[in-house]
Amino acid sequence: MAKPAVATDPQVPNQTVLVVEDEVLLRLVAADELRQQGCGVIEAASADEAMAVLRTGTKIDLLLTDIQLQGTLDGIGLARFVRSNLPRSKVIAVSGQLSAMRGNELFDAFFPKPYAMDHLVKCVRQLLDRHDEPFLNENNIVSRRLD
């Protein structure tokens, strides 16, 4: 198993995003965009890698995960773990299949692939800034968990 890449921005030490995406280019682009926005980013290519990071006690503020992942756990299982163990963390899911919305109570937002990176980054910023208004993505899909 590859070691997850960790890079953080010292100016925003309390805002860390765990990006879990098995498509390398998508993961790299999302991670780079989020770093440019001042987020600390931890990258994982699978839910298994993400779980290894989370089991160390690493604090994350937001999980950005693909739903369909290779390995023993998918993005929905990972989102369930985060909701149970890190209830203050936000969760954004992405998927190429709208049927992945079946676990939408777990997500603060859902983006169908392909998605516009600027919309995704805006949503991340909004959730990290703890704004309460719902976020509409480019397909007007809103998925907000009610606390």
N, C-alpha and C. Protein backbone atom coordinates (compact mmCIF):
# COMPACT_ATOMS: atom_id res chain seq x y z
N MET A 1 0.85 -1.18 0.00
CA MET A 1 0.00 0.00 0.00
C MET A 1 0.89 1.23 0.00
N ALA A 2 0.57 2.19 -0.88
CA ALA A 2 1.34 3.42 -0.96
C ALA A 2 1.08 4.29 0.25
N LYS A 3 2.09 5.00 0.67
CA LYS A 3 1.95 5.88 1.82
C LYS A 3 1.20 7.14 1.39
N PRO A 4 0.14 7.56 2.11
CA PRO A 4 -0.61 8.75 1.73
C PRO A 4 0.28 9.98 1.74
N ALA A 5 0.07 10.86 0.76
CA ALA A 5 0.84 12.10 0.69
C ALA A 5 0.23 13.11 1.65
N VAL A 6 1.07 13.77 2.41
CA VAL A 6 0.61 14.76 3.37
C VAL A 6 1.32 16.07 3.10
N ALA A 7 0.56 17.12 2.93
CA ALA A 7 1.12 18.45 2.80
C ALA A 7 0.15 19.41 3.46
N THR A 8 0.64 20.24 4.33
CA THR A 8 -0.23 21.17 5.02
C THR A 8 0.27 22.59 4.85
N ASP A 9 -0.61 23.54 4.99
CA ASP A 9 -0.28 24.94 4.92
C ASP A 9 -0.20 25.46 6.34
N PRO A 10 0.95 26.00 6.77
CA PRO A 10 1.09 26.44 8.14
C PRO A 10 0.18 27.59 8.51
N GLN A 11 -0.37 28.32 7.52
CA GLN A 11 -1.26 29.43 7.82
C GLN A 11 -2.67 28.95 8.19
N VAL A 12 -3.02 27.74 7.84
CA VAL A 12 -4.36 27.23 8.12
C VAL A 12 -4.23 25.84 8.74
N PRO A 13 -3.62 25.75 9.92
CA PRO A 13 -3.36 24.43 10.48
C PRO A 13 -4.61 23.69 10.93
N ASN A 14 -5.71 24.40 11.11
CA ASN A 14 -6.92 23.76 11.62
C ASN A 14 -7.91 23.38 10.54
N GLN A 15 -7.54 23.51 9.28
CA GLN A 15 -8.45 23.18 8.19
C GLN A 15 -7.79 22.17 7.27
N THR A 16 -8.02 20.92 7.57
CA THR A 16 -7.40 19.84 6.81
C THR A 16 -8.46 19.06 6.05
N VAL A 17 -8.18 18.83 4.77
CA VAL A 17 -9.08 18.08 3.90
C VAL A 17 -8.41 16.76 3.55
N LEU A 18 -9.13 15.67 3.75
CA LEU A 18 -8.68 14.36 3.32
C LEU A 18 -9.33 14.08 1.97
N VAL A 19 -8.51 14.00 0.91
CA VAL A 19 -8.99 13.77 -0.45
C VAL A 19 -8.77 12.30 -0.78
N VAL A 20 -9.87 11.58 -1.02
CA VAL A 20 -9.78 10.14 -1.31
C VAL A 20 -10.35 9.92 -2.70
N GLU A 21 -9.45 9.62 -3.63
CA GLU A 21 -9.84 9.45 -5.04
C GLU A 21 -8.86 8.48 -5.67
N ASP A 22 -9.39 7.43 -6.32
CA ASP A 22 -8.49 6.44 -6.93
C ASP A 22 -8.02 6.85 -8.32
N GLU A 23 -8.66 7.84 -8.92
CA GLU A 23 -8.20 8.36 -10.21
C GLU A 23 -7.13 9.42 -9.93
N VAL A 24 -5.89 9.07 -10.24
CA VAL A 24 -4.73 9.87 -9.84
C VAL A 24 -4.85 11.33 -10.28
N LEU A 25 -5.19 11.57 -11.54
CA LEU A 25 -5.24 12.94 -12.03
C LEU A 25 -6.31 13.76 -11.31
N LEU A 26 -7.46 13.17 -11.08
CA LEU A 26 -8.51 13.88 -10.35
C LEU A 26 -8.06 14.23 -8.93
N ARG A 27 -7.41 13.26 -8.28
CA ARG A 27 -6.92 13.49 -6.91
C ARG A 27 -5.88 14.61 -6.88
N LEU A 28 -4.94 14.56 -7.83
CA LEU A 28 -3.88 15.58 -7.85
C LEU A 28 -4.43 16.97 -8.12
N VAL A 29 -5.35 17.07 -9.07
CA VAL A 29 -5.93 18.38 -9.39
C VAL A 29 -6.72 18.92 -8.20
N ALA A 30 -7.56 18.09 -7.60
CA ALA A 30 -8.35 18.54 -6.45
C ALA A 30 -7.43 18.95 -5.30
N ALA A 31 -6.42 18.15 -5.02
CA ALA A 31 -5.50 18.46 -3.92
C ALA A 31 -4.77 19.77 -4.19
N ASP A 32 -4.30 19.96 -5.42
CA ASP A 32 -3.59 21.18 -5.78
C ASP A 32 -4.48 22.41 -5.63
N GLU A 33 -5.71 22.32 -6.13
CA GLU A 33 -6.65 23.44 -6.02
C GLU A 33 -6.94 23.78 -4.57
N LEU A 34 -7.12 22.77 -3.74
CA LEU A 34 -7.40 23.02 -2.32
C LEU A 34 -6.20 23.62 -1.60
N ARG A 35 -5.01 23.16 -1.96
CA ARG A 35 -3.80 23.76 -1.36
C ARG A 35 -3.67 25.23 -1.76
N GLN A 36 -4.02 25.53 -3.01
CA GLN A 36 -3.97 26.93 -3.46
C GLN A 36 -4.95 27.80 -2.69
N GLN A 37 -5.99 27.19 -2.17
CA GLN A 37 -6.97 27.91 -1.36
C GLN A 37 -6.56 27.98 0.11
N GLY A 38 -5.39 27.43 0.43
CA GLY A 38 -4.89 27.51 1.79
C GLY A 38 -5.26 26.35 2.69
N CYS A 39 -5.81 25.29 2.12
CA CYS A 39 -6.19 24.12 2.93
C CYS A 39 -4.97 23.22 3.12
N GLY A 40 -4.90 22.58 4.26
CA GLY A 40 -4.00 21.47 4.42
C GLY A 40 -4.65 20.27 3.75
N VAL A 41 -3.88 19.47 3.04
CA VAL A 41 -4.46 18.37 2.28
C VAL A 41 -3.71 17.08 2.57
N ILE A 42 -4.47 16.03 2.80
CA ILE A 42 -3.93 14.68 2.90
C ILE A 42 -4.56 13.91 1.75
N GLU A 43 -3.75 13.23 0.96
CA GLU A 43 -4.25 12.47 -0.18
C GLU A 43 -4.21 10.98 0.11
N ALA A 44 -5.25 10.29 -0.36
CA ALA A 44 -5.30 8.84 -0.27
C ALA A 44 -5.92 8.29 -1.54
N ALA A 45 -5.38 7.18 -2.03
CA ALA A 45 -5.86 6.58 -3.27
C ALA A 45 -6.98 5.57 -3.04
N SER A 46 -7.26 5.25 -1.79
CA SER A 46 -8.31 4.28 -1.47
C SER A 46 -8.86 4.58 -0.08
N ALA A 47 -10.01 3.99 0.20
CA ALA A 47 -10.57 4.12 1.54
C ALA A 47 -9.67 3.44 2.57
N ASP A 48 -9.01 2.36 2.15
CA ASP A 48 -8.09 1.67 3.07
C ASP A 48 -6.95 2.59 3.48
N GLU A 49 -6.38 3.34 2.53
CA GLU A 49 -5.33 4.30 2.86
C GLU A 49 -5.88 5.40 3.76
N ALA A 50 -7.08 5.87 3.46
CA ALA A 50 -7.69 6.92 4.28
C ALA A 50 -7.92 6.42 5.70
N MET A 51 -8.39 5.19 5.83
CA MET A 51 -8.60 4.62 7.17
C MET A 51 -7.29 4.53 7.95
N ALA A 52 -6.20 4.19 7.26
CA ALA A 52 -4.89 4.14 7.93
C ALA A 52 -4.53 5.51 8.49
N VAL A 53 -4.83 6.57 7.74
CA VAL A 53 -4.57 7.93 8.22
C VAL A 53 -5.47 8.24 9.41
N LEU A 54 -6.76 7.96 9.29
CA LEU A 54 -7.71 8.29 10.35
C LEU A 54 -7.44 7.52 11.63
N ARG A 55 -6.97 6.30 11.52
CA ARG A 55 -6.68 5.49 12.71
C ARG A 55 -5.49 6.02 13.51
N THR A 56 -4.69 6.90 12.91
CA THR A 56 -3.57 7.50 13.65
C THR A 56 -4.05 8.64 14.55
N GLY A 57 -5.33 9.00 14.42
CA GLY A 57 -5.85 10.11 15.21
C GLY A 57 -5.72 11.45 14.50
N THR A 58 -5.31 11.43 13.25
CA THR A 58 -5.18 12.66 12.47
C THR A 58 -6.53 13.35 12.40
N LYS A 59 -6.55 14.64 12.72
CA LYS A 59 -7.77 15.43 12.70
C LYS A 59 -8.02 15.91 11.27
N ILE A 60 -9.22 15.70 10.78
CA ILE A 60 -9.61 16.26 9.50
C ILE A 60 -10.86 17.10 9.70
N ASP A 61 -10.98 18.13 8.90
CA ASP A 61 -12.16 18.99 8.96
C ASP A 61 -13.16 18.64 7.88
N LEU A 62 -12.65 18.01 6.80
CA LEU A 62 -13.52 17.69 5.69
C LEU A 62 -12.97 16.47 4.96
N LEU A 63 -13.87 15.56 4.65
CA LEU A 63 -13.56 14.40 3.83
C LEU A 63 -14.15 14.64 2.45
N LEU A 64 -13.29 14.58 1.42
CA LEU A 64 -13.73 14.63 0.03
C LEU A 64 -13.43 13.26 -0.55
N THR A 65 -14.49 12.50 -0.84
CA THR A 65 -14.27 11.11 -1.26
C THR A 65 -15.09 10.74 -2.48
N ASP A 66 -14.46 9.96 -3.34
CA ASP A 66 -15.18 9.29 -4.41
C ASP A 66 -16.01 8.18 -3.74
N ILE A 67 -17.09 7.80 -4.34
CA ILE A 67 -17.92 6.74 -3.77
C ILE A 67 -17.37 5.37 -4.16
N GLN A 68 -17.04 5.22 -5.43
CA GLN A 68 -16.56 3.92 -5.91
C GLN A 68 -15.04 3.87 -5.80
N LEU A 69 -14.58 3.08 -4.85
CA LEU A 69 -13.14 2.95 -4.59
C LEU A 69 -12.77 1.49 -4.56
N GLN A 70 -11.55 1.20 -4.96
CA GLN A 70 -11.06 -0.17 -4.85
C GLN A 70 -10.64 -0.44 -3.41
N GLY A 71 -10.68 -1.70 -3.03
CA GLY A 71 -10.27 -2.06 -1.68
C GLY A 71 -11.40 -2.66 -0.88
N THR A 72 -11.22 -2.72 0.40
CA THR A 72 -12.19 -3.38 1.27
C THR A 72 -13.35 -2.48 1.68
N LEU A 73 -13.25 -1.19 1.39
CA LEU A 73 -14.27 -0.23 1.82
C LEU A 73 -14.50 0.75 0.68
N ASP A 74 -15.76 1.17 0.50
CA ASP A 74 -16.04 2.20 -0.50
C ASP A 74 -16.19 3.55 0.19
N GLY A 75 -16.50 4.58 -0.59
CA GLY A 75 -16.63 5.92 -0.04
C GLY A 75 -17.78 6.08 0.94
N ILE A 76 -18.84 5.31 0.75
CA ILE A 76 -19.96 5.37 1.69
C ILE A 76 -19.55 4.80 3.04
N GLY A 77 -18.84 3.68 3.04
CA GLY A 77 -18.35 3.11 4.28
C GLY A 77 -17.38 4.05 4.98
N LEU A 78 -16.55 4.72 4.21
CA LEU A 78 -15.61 5.70 4.77
C LEU A 78 -16.38 6.88 5.37
N ALA A 79 -17.40 7.35 4.67
CA ALA A 79 -18.22 8.45 5.19
C ALA A 79 -18.91 8.04 6.50
N ARG A 80 -19.40 6.82 6.57
CA ARG A 80 -20.01 6.33 7.82
C ARG A 80 -19.02 6.35 8.97
N PHE A 81 -17.78 5.91 8.70
CA PHE A 81 -16.75 5.91 9.73
C PHE A 81 -16.48 7.34 10.22
N VAL A 82 -16.37 8.28 9.27
CA VAL A 82 -16.10 9.67 9.65
C VAL A 82 -17.27 10.23 10.44
N ARG A 83 -18.49 9.99 10.01
CA ARG A 83 -19.66 10.49 10.75
C ARG A 83 -19.71 9.93 12.18
N SER A 84 -19.34 8.67 12.35
CA SER A 84 -19.38 8.03 13.67
C SER A 84 -18.24 8.49 14.56
N ASN A 85 -17.07 8.70 13.98
CA ASN A 85 -15.88 8.97 14.79
C ASN A 85 -15.41 10.41 14.78
N LEU A 86 -15.81 11.17 13.79
CA LEU A 86 -15.44 12.58 13.67
C LEU A 86 -16.69 13.38 13.29
N PRO A 87 -17.68 13.41 14.17
CA PRO A 87 -18.99 13.97 13.81
C PRO A 87 -18.97 15.44 13.40
N ARG A 88 -17.95 16.18 13.77
CA ARG A 88 -17.88 17.60 13.38
C ARG A 88 -17.27 17.78 11.99
N SER A 89 -16.69 16.73 11.43
CA SER A 89 -16.10 16.82 10.10
C SER A 89 -17.19 16.84 9.04
N LYS A 90 -16.96 17.60 8.01
CA LYS A 90 -17.88 17.67 6.87
C LYS A 90 -17.50 16.59 5.87
N VAL A 91 -18.48 16.19 5.05
CA VAL A 91 -18.24 15.14 4.05
C VAL A 91 -18.82 15.57 2.71
N ILE A 92 -17.96 15.54 1.69
CA ILE A 92 -18.38 15.77 0.31
C ILE A 92 -18.10 14.48 -0.46
N ALA A 93 -19.08 14.01 -1.19
CA ALA A 93 -18.92 12.80 -2.01
C ALA A 93 -18.99 13.18 -3.48
N VAL A 94 -18.24 12.44 -4.29
CA VAL A 94 -18.29 12.59 -5.75
C VAL A 94 -18.45 11.21 -6.35
N SER A 95 -19.14 11.16 -7.50
CA SER A 95 -19.31 9.87 -8.16
C SER A 95 -19.75 10.08 -9.60
N GLY A 96 -19.38 9.14 -10.42
CA GLY A 96 -19.83 9.15 -11.80
C GLY A 96 -21.23 8.59 -11.96
N GLN A 97 -21.80 8.07 -10.88
CA GLN A 97 -23.13 7.49 -10.94
C GLN A 97 -24.05 8.16 -9.94
N LEU A 98 -25.15 8.71 -10.43
CA LEU A 98 -26.10 9.37 -9.54
C LEU A 98 -26.72 8.42 -8.54
N SER A 99 -26.71 7.13 -8.84
CA SER A 99 -27.25 6.16 -7.89
C SER A 99 -26.45 6.15 -6.59
N ALA A 100 -25.26 6.74 -6.62
CA ALA A 100 -24.44 6.81 -5.41
C ALA A 100 -25.06 7.72 -4.36
N MET A 101 -26.07 8.49 -4.73
CA MET A 101 -26.76 9.35 -3.77
C MET A 101 -27.51 8.55 -2.72
N ARG A 102 -27.52 7.22 -2.84
CA ARG A 102 -28.29 6.39 -1.90
C ARG A 102 -27.86 6.59 -0.44
N GLY A 103 -26.69 7.05 -0.19
CA GLY A 103 -26.24 7.30 1.18
C GLY A 103 -26.20 8.77 1.52
N ASN A 104 -27.07 9.56 0.87
CA ASN A 104 -26.92 11.01 0.95
C ASN A 104 -27.06 11.60 2.33
N GLU A 105 -27.65 10.92 3.27
CA GLU A 105 -27.72 11.49 4.62
C GLU A 105 -26.34 11.58 5.26
N LEU A 106 -25.39 10.92 4.67
CA LEU A 106 -24.02 10.97 5.17
C LEU A 106 -23.24 12.17 4.64
N PHE A 107 -23.73 12.79 3.58
CA PHE A 107 -22.97 13.81 2.87
C PHE A 107 -23.49 15.21 3.16
N ASP A 108 -22.57 16.15 3.26
CA ASP A 108 -22.96 17.56 3.31
C ASP A 108 -23.17 18.09 1.90
N ALA A 109 -22.51 17.46 0.92
CA ALA A 109 -22.70 17.84 -0.48
C ALA A 109 -22.31 16.65 -1.35
N PHE A 110 -22.90 16.61 -2.54
CA PHE A 110 -22.60 15.56 -3.51
C PHE A 110 -22.38 16.20 -4.87
N PHE A 111 -21.33 15.77 -5.56
CA PHE A 111 -21.03 16.26 -6.90
C PHE A 111 -20.97 15.09 -7.86
N PRO A 112 -21.82 15.07 -8.88
CA PRO A 112 -21.70 14.04 -9.92
C PRO A 112 -20.50 14.36 -10.81
N LYS A 113 -19.79 13.31 -11.24
CA LYS A 113 -18.69 13.50 -12.18
C LYS A 113 -19.25 13.57 -13.59
N PRO A 114 -18.70 14.39 -14.45
CA PRO A 114 -17.62 15.34 -14.16
C PRO A 114 -18.18 16.56 -13.45
N TYR A 115 -17.38 17.17 -12.61
CA TYR A 115 -17.80 18.35 -11.87
C TYR A 115 -16.85 19.50 -12.18
N ALA A 116 -17.35 20.71 -11.95
CA ALA A 116 -16.53 21.90 -12.16
C ALA A 116 -15.69 22.12 -10.90
N MET A 117 -14.38 22.17 -11.06
CA MET A 117 -13.48 22.30 -9.91
C MET A 117 -13.77 23.57 -9.11
N ASP A 118 -14.11 24.66 -9.78
CA ASP A 118 -14.38 25.89 -9.04
C ASP A 118 -15.61 25.76 -8.14
N HIS A 119 -16.61 24.98 -8.58
CA HIS A 119 -17.78 24.74 -7.73
C HIS A 119 -17.40 23.88 -6.52
N LEU A 120 -16.58 22.88 -6.75
CA LEU A 120 -16.14 22.01 -5.66
C LEU A 120 -15.35 22.81 -4.63
N VAL A 121 -14.42 23.62 -5.09
CA VAL A 121 -13.60 24.43 -4.18
C VAL A 121 -14.47 25.41 -3.40
N LYS A 122 -15.43 26.01 -4.08
CA LYS A 122 -16.35 26.94 -3.39
C LYS A 122 -17.12 26.22 -2.29
N CYS A 123 -17.58 25.02 -2.58
CA CYS A 123 -18.31 24.23 -1.60
C CYS A 123 -17.42 23.88 -0.41
N VAL A 124 -16.19 23.47 -0.68
CA VAL A 124 -15.25 23.14 0.41
C VAL A 124 -15.05 24.37 1.29
N ARG A 125 -14.79 25.51 0.68
CA ARG A 125 -14.57 26.74 1.46
C ARG A 125 -15.79 27.05 2.31
N GLN A 126 -16.96 26.92 1.70
CA GLN A 126 -18.20 27.22 2.39
C GLN A 126 -18.39 26.31 3.59
N LEU A 127 -18.15 25.03 3.42
CA LEU A 127 -18.31 24.09 4.53
C LEU A 127 -17.25 24.31 5.61
N LEU A 128 -16.03 24.59 5.20
CA LEU A 128 -14.97 24.83 6.19
C LEU A 128 -15.19 26.12 6.95
N ASP A 129 -15.82 27.08 6.30
CA ASP A 129 -16.13 28.34 6.96
C ASP A 129 -17.39 28.23 7.81
N ARG A 130 -18.01 27.04 7.81
CA ARG A 130 -19.17 26.72 8.64
C ARG A 130 -20.41 27.54 8.30
N HIS A 131 -20.56 27.87 7.02
CA HIS A 131 -21.77 28.55 6.61
C HIS A 131 -22.92 27.54 6.66
N ASP A 132 -24.09 28.02 7.03
CA ASP A 132 -25.22 27.13 7.20
C ASP A 132 -26.10 26.99 5.96
N GLU A 133 -25.99 27.92 5.00
CA GLU A 133 -26.86 27.83 3.85
C GLU A 133 -26.46 26.64 2.98
N PRO A 134 -27.43 25.98 2.37
CA PRO A 134 -27.12 24.83 1.52
C PRO A 134 -26.34 25.27 0.28
N PHE A 135 -25.59 24.35 -0.26
CA PHE A 135 -24.80 24.61 -1.46
C PHE A 135 -25.42 23.88 -2.63
N LEU A 136 -25.66 24.61 -3.71
CA LEU A 136 -26.17 24.00 -4.94
C LEU A 136 -24.98 23.80 -5.87
N ASN A 137 -24.80 22.57 -6.33
CA ASN A 137 -23.72 22.35 -7.30
C ASN A 137 -24.25 22.64 -8.69
N GLU A 138 -23.42 22.40 -9.72
CA GLU A 138 -23.79 22.78 -11.08
C GLU A 138 -25.03 22.05 -11.60
N ASN A 139 -25.42 20.96 -10.97
CA ASN A 139 -26.63 20.23 -11.36
C ASN A 139 -27.78 20.49 -10.39
N ASN A 140 -27.63 21.52 -9.56
CA ASN A 140 -28.63 21.89 -8.55
C ASN A 140 -28.96 20.75 -7.60
N ILE A 141 -27.97 19.94 -7.32
CA ILE A 141 -28.16 18.86 -6.35
C ILE A 141 -27.71 19.37 -4.99
N VAL A 142 -28.60 19.34 -4.04
CA VAL A 142 -28.26 19.75 -2.68
C VAL A 142 -28.32 18.52 -1.80
N SER A 143 -27.31 18.32 -1.04
CA SER A 143 -27.35 17.24 -0.08
C SER A 143 -26.71 17.75 1.19
N ARG A 144 -27.53 18.18 2.13
CA ARG A 144 -27.04 18.70 3.39
C ARG A 144 -27.60 17.86 4.52
N ARG A 145 -26.73 17.51 5.44
CA ARG A 145 -27.13 16.80 6.62
C ARG A 145 -27.70 17.81 7.61
N LEU A 146 -28.80 17.50 8.21
CA LEU A 146 -29.38 18.39 9.22
C LEU A 146 -28.85 17.99 10.59
N ASP A 147 -28.22 18.94 11.27
CA ASP A 147 -27.68 18.66 12.61
C ASP A 147 -28.72 18.94 13.67
